[in-house]
N, C-alpha and C. Protein backbone atom coordinates (compact mmCIF):
# COMPACT_ATOMS: atom_id res chain seq x y z
N PHE A 1 3.55 -3.86 13.72
CA PHE A 1 4.25 -3.45 12.51
C PHE A 1 4.59 -1.97 12.60
N GLY A 2 5.80 -1.63 12.29
CA GLY A 2 6.15 -0.22 12.28
C GLY A 2 7.61 0.04 12.52
N GLY A 3 7.92 1.32 12.55
CA GLY A 3 9.29 1.77 12.75
C GLY A 3 9.32 3.00 13.62
N SER A 4 10.28 3.88 13.36
CA SER A 4 10.50 5.03 14.23
C SER A 4 9.60 6.22 13.92
N SER A 5 8.86 6.18 12.82
CA SER A 5 7.94 7.27 12.51
C SER A 5 6.52 6.76 12.71
N TYR A 6 5.61 6.98 11.78
CA TYR A 6 4.24 6.54 12.04
C TYR A 6 3.70 5.61 10.96
N GLU A 7 2.81 4.74 11.39
CA GLU A 7 2.11 3.80 10.53
C GLU A 7 0.62 3.92 10.84
N ARG A 8 -0.17 3.64 9.80
CA ARG A 8 -1.62 3.70 10.00
C ARG A 8 -2.28 2.67 9.08
N TYR A 9 -3.16 1.88 9.64
CA TYR A 9 -3.99 0.99 8.84
C TYR A 9 -5.34 1.66 8.60
N ASN A 10 -5.83 1.53 7.38
CA ASN A 10 -7.13 2.08 7.02
C ASN A 10 -8.18 1.02 6.82
N SER A 11 -7.78 -0.21 6.51
CA SER A 11 -8.74 -1.26 6.23
C SER A 11 -8.08 -2.62 6.43
N ILE A 12 -8.91 -3.62 6.74
CA ILE A 12 -8.44 -4.99 6.89
C ILE A 12 -9.47 -5.92 6.25
N MET A 13 -8.98 -7.02 5.68
CA MET A 13 -9.87 -7.96 5.01
C MET A 13 -9.33 -9.38 5.17
N ALA A 14 -10.23 -10.35 5.40
CA ALA A 14 -9.86 -11.76 5.43
C ALA A 14 -10.03 -12.32 4.02
N TYR A 15 -9.04 -13.09 3.56
CA TYR A 15 -9.06 -13.64 2.20
C TYR A 15 -8.12 -14.84 2.14
N HIS A 16 -8.61 -15.99 1.72
CA HIS A 16 -7.80 -17.21 1.54
C HIS A 16 -6.96 -17.53 2.77
N ASN A 17 -7.57 -17.59 3.93
CA ASN A 17 -6.90 -17.94 5.18
C ASN A 17 -5.78 -16.98 5.58
N ASN A 18 -5.90 -15.73 5.13
CA ASN A 18 -4.97 -14.68 5.52
C ASN A 18 -5.74 -13.42 5.84
N LEU A 19 -5.09 -12.51 6.53
CA LEU A 19 -5.62 -11.18 6.77
C LEU A 19 -4.75 -10.19 6.03
N PHE A 20 -5.37 -9.23 5.36
CA PHE A 20 -4.64 -8.20 4.63
C PHE A 20 -4.99 -6.85 5.23
N ALA A 21 -3.98 -6.13 5.71
CA ALA A 21 -4.17 -4.80 6.26
C ALA A 21 -3.49 -3.80 5.33
N ILE A 22 -4.19 -2.70 5.03
CA ILE A 22 -3.61 -1.68 4.16
C ILE A 22 -3.65 -0.33 4.85
N GLY A 23 -2.74 0.53 4.44
CA GLY A 23 -2.67 1.87 5.00
C GLY A 23 -1.45 2.60 4.50
N SER A 24 -0.69 3.20 5.44
CA SER A 24 0.49 3.97 5.04
C SER A 24 1.54 3.90 6.14
N SER A 25 2.78 4.21 5.74
CA SER A 25 3.90 4.25 6.66
C SER A 25 4.84 5.38 6.26
N SER A 26 5.46 6.00 7.24
CA SER A 26 6.49 7.00 6.96
C SER A 26 7.82 6.60 7.62
N SER A 27 7.94 5.36 8.03
CA SER A 27 9.16 4.86 8.70
C SER A 27 10.06 4.18 7.69
N SER A 28 11.28 4.68 7.56
CA SER A 28 12.23 4.04 6.66
C SER A 28 12.88 2.83 7.32
N ASP A 29 12.64 2.60 8.61
CA ASP A 29 13.23 1.46 9.32
C ASP A 29 12.18 0.41 9.70
N SER A 30 11.11 0.29 8.91
CA SER A 30 10.04 -0.65 9.22
C SER A 30 10.21 -1.99 8.50
N GLY A 31 11.36 -2.21 7.87
CA GLY A 31 11.59 -3.43 7.13
C GLY A 31 11.08 -3.36 5.71
N LEU A 32 10.69 -2.18 5.26
CA LEU A 32 10.22 -1.97 3.90
C LEU A 32 11.15 -1.01 3.18
N LYS A 33 11.16 -1.08 1.86
CA LYS A 33 11.94 -0.13 1.07
C LYS A 33 11.09 1.12 0.85
N ILE A 34 11.06 1.98 1.85
CA ILE A 34 10.29 3.22 1.78
C ILE A 34 11.28 4.36 1.63
N PHE A 35 11.13 5.11 0.55
CA PHE A 35 12.01 6.23 0.29
C PHE A 35 11.34 7.50 0.79
N THR A 36 11.52 7.77 2.06
CA THR A 36 10.87 8.91 2.69
C THR A 36 11.78 9.47 3.77
N ASP A 37 11.52 10.68 4.15
CA ASP A 37 12.32 11.34 5.18
C ASP A 37 11.58 11.37 6.51
N GLY A 38 10.56 10.57 6.67
CA GLY A 38 9.77 10.56 7.89
C GLY A 38 8.60 11.53 7.84
N GLU A 39 8.53 12.34 6.81
CA GLU A 39 7.44 13.30 6.64
C GLU A 39 6.50 12.85 5.53
N LYS A 40 7.01 12.13 4.57
CA LYS A 40 6.19 11.64 3.46
C LYS A 40 5.79 10.21 3.75
N THR A 41 4.73 9.75 3.10
CA THR A 41 4.22 8.41 3.39
C THR A 41 4.21 7.53 2.16
N ALA A 42 4.26 6.24 2.38
CA ALA A 42 4.14 5.23 1.34
C ALA A 42 2.95 4.35 1.68
N GLY A 43 2.23 3.91 0.65
CA GLY A 43 1.15 2.96 0.87
C GLY A 43 1.74 1.60 1.20
N VAL A 44 1.13 0.90 2.16
CA VAL A 44 1.63 -0.42 2.55
C VAL A 44 0.50 -1.43 2.60
N LEU A 45 0.83 -2.64 2.23
CA LEU A 45 -0.06 -3.79 2.39
C LEU A 45 0.71 -4.81 3.21
N VAL A 46 0.10 -5.26 4.31
CA VAL A 46 0.74 -6.26 5.17
C VAL A 46 -0.16 -7.49 5.20
N LYS A 47 0.43 -8.62 4.85
CA LYS A 47 -0.29 -9.91 4.85
C LYS A 47 0.05 -10.65 6.14
N TYR A 48 -0.99 -11.00 6.89
CA TYR A 48 -0.85 -11.74 8.14
C TYR A 48 -1.46 -13.13 7.97
N ASN A 49 -0.95 -14.11 8.72
CA ASN A 49 -1.66 -15.37 8.81
C ASN A 49 -2.75 -15.21 9.86
N LEU A 50 -3.58 -16.21 10.04
CA LEU A 50 -4.71 -16.09 10.96
C LEU A 50 -4.29 -16.05 12.44
N ASP A 51 -3.01 -16.32 12.72
CA ASP A 51 -2.49 -16.19 14.08
C ASP A 51 -1.91 -14.80 14.33
N GLY A 52 -1.97 -13.92 13.32
CA GLY A 52 -1.48 -12.55 13.47
C GLY A 52 -0.01 -12.36 13.19
N ASN A 53 0.64 -13.37 12.62
CA ASN A 53 2.05 -13.25 12.27
C ASN A 53 2.19 -12.67 10.86
N ILE A 54 3.12 -11.74 10.68
CA ILE A 54 3.34 -11.12 9.37
C ILE A 54 3.97 -12.13 8.43
N GLU A 55 3.38 -12.28 7.24
CA GLU A 55 3.92 -13.16 6.21
C GLU A 55 4.60 -12.38 5.10
N ARG A 56 4.10 -11.16 4.83
CA ARG A 56 4.66 -10.37 3.73
C ARG A 56 4.29 -8.91 3.92
N LYS A 57 5.20 -8.01 3.52
CA LYS A 57 4.96 -6.57 3.55
C LYS A 57 5.34 -6.00 2.19
N ILE A 58 4.47 -5.17 1.63
CA ILE A 58 4.70 -4.61 0.30
C ILE A 58 4.44 -3.11 0.34
N VAL A 59 5.27 -2.35 -0.38
CA VAL A 59 5.11 -0.91 -0.52
C VAL A 59 4.48 -0.62 -1.87
N TYR A 60 3.47 0.24 -1.87
CA TYR A 60 2.88 0.75 -3.11
C TYR A 60 3.03 2.26 -3.07
N GLY A 61 3.66 2.81 -4.10
CA GLY A 61 3.84 4.25 -4.16
C GLY A 61 5.24 4.63 -4.56
N GLY A 62 5.59 5.88 -4.27
CA GLY A 62 6.89 6.41 -4.65
C GLY A 62 7.49 7.25 -3.54
N SER A 63 8.09 8.37 -3.92
CA SER A 63 8.85 9.16 -2.96
C SER A 63 8.10 10.38 -2.43
N ASN A 64 6.79 10.46 -2.65
CA ASN A 64 6.02 11.56 -2.10
C ASN A 64 4.94 10.99 -1.17
N GLN A 65 3.71 11.46 -1.24
CA GLN A 65 2.63 11.01 -0.36
C GLN A 65 1.79 9.94 -1.05
N ASP A 66 1.70 8.77 -0.43
CA ASP A 66 0.92 7.66 -0.96
C ASP A 66 0.18 7.00 0.19
N ASN A 67 -1.06 6.62 -0.05
CA ASN A 67 -1.86 6.00 1.01
C ASN A 67 -2.85 5.02 0.39
N LEU A 68 -2.92 3.82 0.94
CA LEU A 68 -3.92 2.83 0.53
C LEU A 68 -5.11 2.99 1.46
N THR A 69 -6.31 3.04 0.90
CA THR A 69 -7.47 3.42 1.71
C THR A 69 -8.50 2.32 1.94
N ASP A 70 -8.68 1.40 1.00
CA ASP A 70 -9.67 0.35 1.19
C ASP A 70 -9.29 -0.86 0.35
N ILE A 71 -9.83 -2.02 0.70
CA ILE A 71 -9.49 -3.27 0.00
C ILE A 71 -10.72 -4.16 -0.05
N VAL A 72 -10.95 -4.79 -1.21
CA VAL A 72 -12.03 -5.76 -1.40
C VAL A 72 -11.50 -6.87 -2.30
N THR A 73 -12.26 -7.96 -2.41
CA THR A 73 -11.87 -9.06 -3.28
C THR A 73 -13.06 -9.55 -4.09
N ASP A 74 -12.77 -10.15 -5.24
CA ASP A 74 -13.78 -10.85 -6.02
C ASP A 74 -13.55 -12.36 -5.93
N ASN A 75 -12.81 -12.80 -4.90
CA ASN A 75 -12.41 -14.18 -4.64
C ASN A 75 -11.37 -14.70 -5.62
N SER A 76 -10.84 -13.84 -6.48
CA SER A 76 -9.72 -14.19 -7.35
C SER A 76 -8.58 -13.18 -7.20
N ASN A 77 -8.95 -11.90 -7.13
CA ASN A 77 -7.98 -10.81 -7.06
C ASN A 77 -8.36 -9.86 -5.94
N LEU A 78 -7.42 -9.02 -5.58
CA LEU A 78 -7.67 -7.97 -4.60
C LEU A 78 -7.76 -6.64 -5.34
N TYR A 79 -8.65 -5.78 -4.87
CA TYR A 79 -8.81 -4.44 -5.43
C TYR A 79 -8.59 -3.45 -4.30
N ILE A 80 -7.67 -2.52 -4.53
CA ILE A 80 -7.27 -1.57 -3.50
C ILE A 80 -7.51 -0.16 -4.03
N THR A 81 -8.13 0.68 -3.22
CA THR A 81 -8.21 2.09 -3.58
C THR A 81 -7.08 2.82 -2.86
N ALA A 82 -6.60 3.88 -3.51
CA ALA A 82 -5.45 4.60 -2.99
C ALA A 82 -5.48 6.04 -3.48
N TYR A 83 -4.59 6.85 -2.91
CA TYR A 83 -4.31 8.16 -3.50
C TYR A 83 -2.82 8.44 -3.42
N THR A 84 -2.33 9.25 -4.36
CA THR A 84 -0.91 9.52 -4.46
C THR A 84 -0.67 10.89 -5.08
N ASN A 85 0.46 11.48 -4.74
CA ASN A 85 0.97 12.61 -5.50
C ASN A 85 2.44 12.38 -5.83
N SER A 86 2.87 11.13 -5.83
CA SER A 86 4.23 10.77 -6.22
C SER A 86 4.37 10.78 -7.74
N LYS A 87 5.51 11.27 -8.20
CA LYS A 87 5.82 11.27 -9.63
C LYS A 87 6.59 10.03 -10.03
N ASP A 88 6.91 9.19 -9.06
CA ASP A 88 7.64 7.96 -9.34
C ASP A 88 7.00 6.83 -8.54
N GLY A 89 7.47 5.62 -8.72
CA GLY A 89 6.93 4.49 -7.98
C GLY A 89 6.05 3.62 -8.84
N ASN A 90 5.23 2.78 -8.21
CA ASN A 90 4.48 1.76 -8.95
C ASN A 90 2.98 2.01 -9.04
N ILE A 91 2.46 3.17 -8.59
CA ILE A 91 1.02 3.43 -8.74
C ILE A 91 0.76 4.80 -9.37
N ILE A 92 1.67 5.26 -10.25
CA ILE A 92 1.52 6.57 -10.89
C ILE A 92 0.87 6.45 -12.26
N THR A 93 0.46 7.57 -12.81
CA THR A 93 0.07 7.66 -14.22
C THR A 93 0.76 8.85 -14.81
N SER A 94 0.62 9.06 -16.09
CA SER A 94 1.29 10.18 -16.77
C SER A 94 0.77 11.53 -16.30
N LYS A 95 -0.37 11.56 -15.58
CA LYS A 95 -0.94 12.83 -15.11
C LYS A 95 -0.27 13.34 -13.84
N ASP A 96 0.50 12.50 -13.15
CA ASP A 96 1.08 12.91 -11.88
C ASP A 96 2.03 14.07 -12.07
N ASN A 97 1.90 15.07 -11.22
CA ASN A 97 2.76 16.24 -11.30
C ASN A 97 3.48 16.53 -9.98
N GLY A 98 3.29 15.70 -8.97
CA GLY A 98 3.96 15.88 -7.70
C GLY A 98 3.29 16.87 -6.77
N ARG A 99 2.22 17.52 -7.20
CA ARG A 99 1.53 18.49 -6.35
C ARG A 99 0.10 18.03 -6.05
N ASP A 100 -0.66 17.68 -7.08
CA ASP A 100 -2.06 17.28 -6.90
C ASP A 100 -2.13 15.81 -6.52
N TYR A 101 -3.16 15.46 -5.75
CA TYR A 101 -3.39 14.06 -5.40
C TYR A 101 -4.28 13.42 -6.46
N PHE A 102 -3.97 12.18 -6.79
CA PHE A 102 -4.74 11.43 -7.78
C PHE A 102 -5.24 10.14 -7.15
N GLY A 103 -6.52 9.83 -7.32
CA GLY A 103 -7.08 8.59 -6.83
C GLY A 103 -6.65 7.43 -7.72
N ARG A 104 -6.49 6.28 -7.12
CA ARG A 104 -6.06 5.09 -7.85
C ARG A 104 -6.93 3.90 -7.49
N LEU A 105 -7.11 3.03 -8.47
CA LEU A 105 -7.67 1.70 -8.26
C LEU A 105 -6.57 0.74 -8.68
N ILE A 106 -6.18 -0.13 -7.75
CA ILE A 106 -5.09 -1.07 -7.99
C ILE A 106 -5.66 -2.48 -7.92
N LYS A 107 -5.36 -3.27 -8.94
CA LYS A 107 -5.77 -4.68 -8.95
C LYS A 107 -4.50 -5.51 -8.77
N VAL A 108 -4.52 -6.42 -7.76
CA VAL A 108 -3.38 -7.30 -7.54
C VAL A 108 -3.86 -8.75 -7.52
N ASP A 109 -2.99 -9.64 -7.93
CA ASP A 109 -3.35 -11.06 -7.94
C ASP A 109 -3.05 -11.68 -6.59
N SER A 110 -3.24 -12.99 -6.48
CA SER A 110 -3.07 -13.67 -5.20
C SER A 110 -1.62 -13.65 -4.71
N ARG A 111 -0.68 -13.38 -5.61
CA ARG A 111 0.73 -13.24 -5.22
C ARG A 111 1.08 -11.79 -4.91
N LEU A 112 0.07 -10.91 -4.92
CA LEU A 112 0.19 -9.48 -4.62
C LEU A 112 0.97 -8.72 -5.69
N ARG A 113 0.99 -9.25 -6.89
CA ARG A 113 1.59 -8.54 -8.03
C ARG A 113 0.54 -7.62 -8.64
N ILE A 114 0.96 -6.41 -8.98
CA ILE A 114 0.03 -5.43 -9.58
C ILE A 114 -0.34 -5.88 -10.98
N LEU A 115 -1.64 -6.01 -11.24
CA LEU A 115 -2.15 -6.35 -12.57
C LEU A 115 -2.50 -5.09 -13.35
N PHE A 116 -3.05 -4.09 -12.65
CA PHE A 116 -3.26 -2.79 -13.27
C PHE A 116 -3.43 -1.71 -12.21
N THR A 117 -3.19 -0.49 -12.64
CA THR A 117 -3.44 0.70 -11.85
C THR A 117 -4.22 1.66 -12.72
N LYS A 118 -5.37 2.08 -12.25
CA LYS A 118 -6.22 2.99 -13.03
C LYS A 118 -6.50 4.23 -12.24
């Protein structure tokens, strides 16, 4: 998985006959909608089947620095820790100012839809 810049996985987890890898990417040509210039990063979650084939790729974050750091499950939902300093995107809060990094806890359902960000 990747493009012309850099990708990094921080954690992997087996769940419901799939593997979920999380981390970050700065490649705008990795098949994801990443709004970056190759210097900023977006958090990524990649779902693999047990044969190692990619089934789905999702971006979490905005147009600044975003990184997914760890993932666990309660056998119903996935919980992802992250950090961001993006003022836009899908894991921000009203406190974001584009300079300071803020830690996030993201809960997603089995379809990888965000249920909450705290």
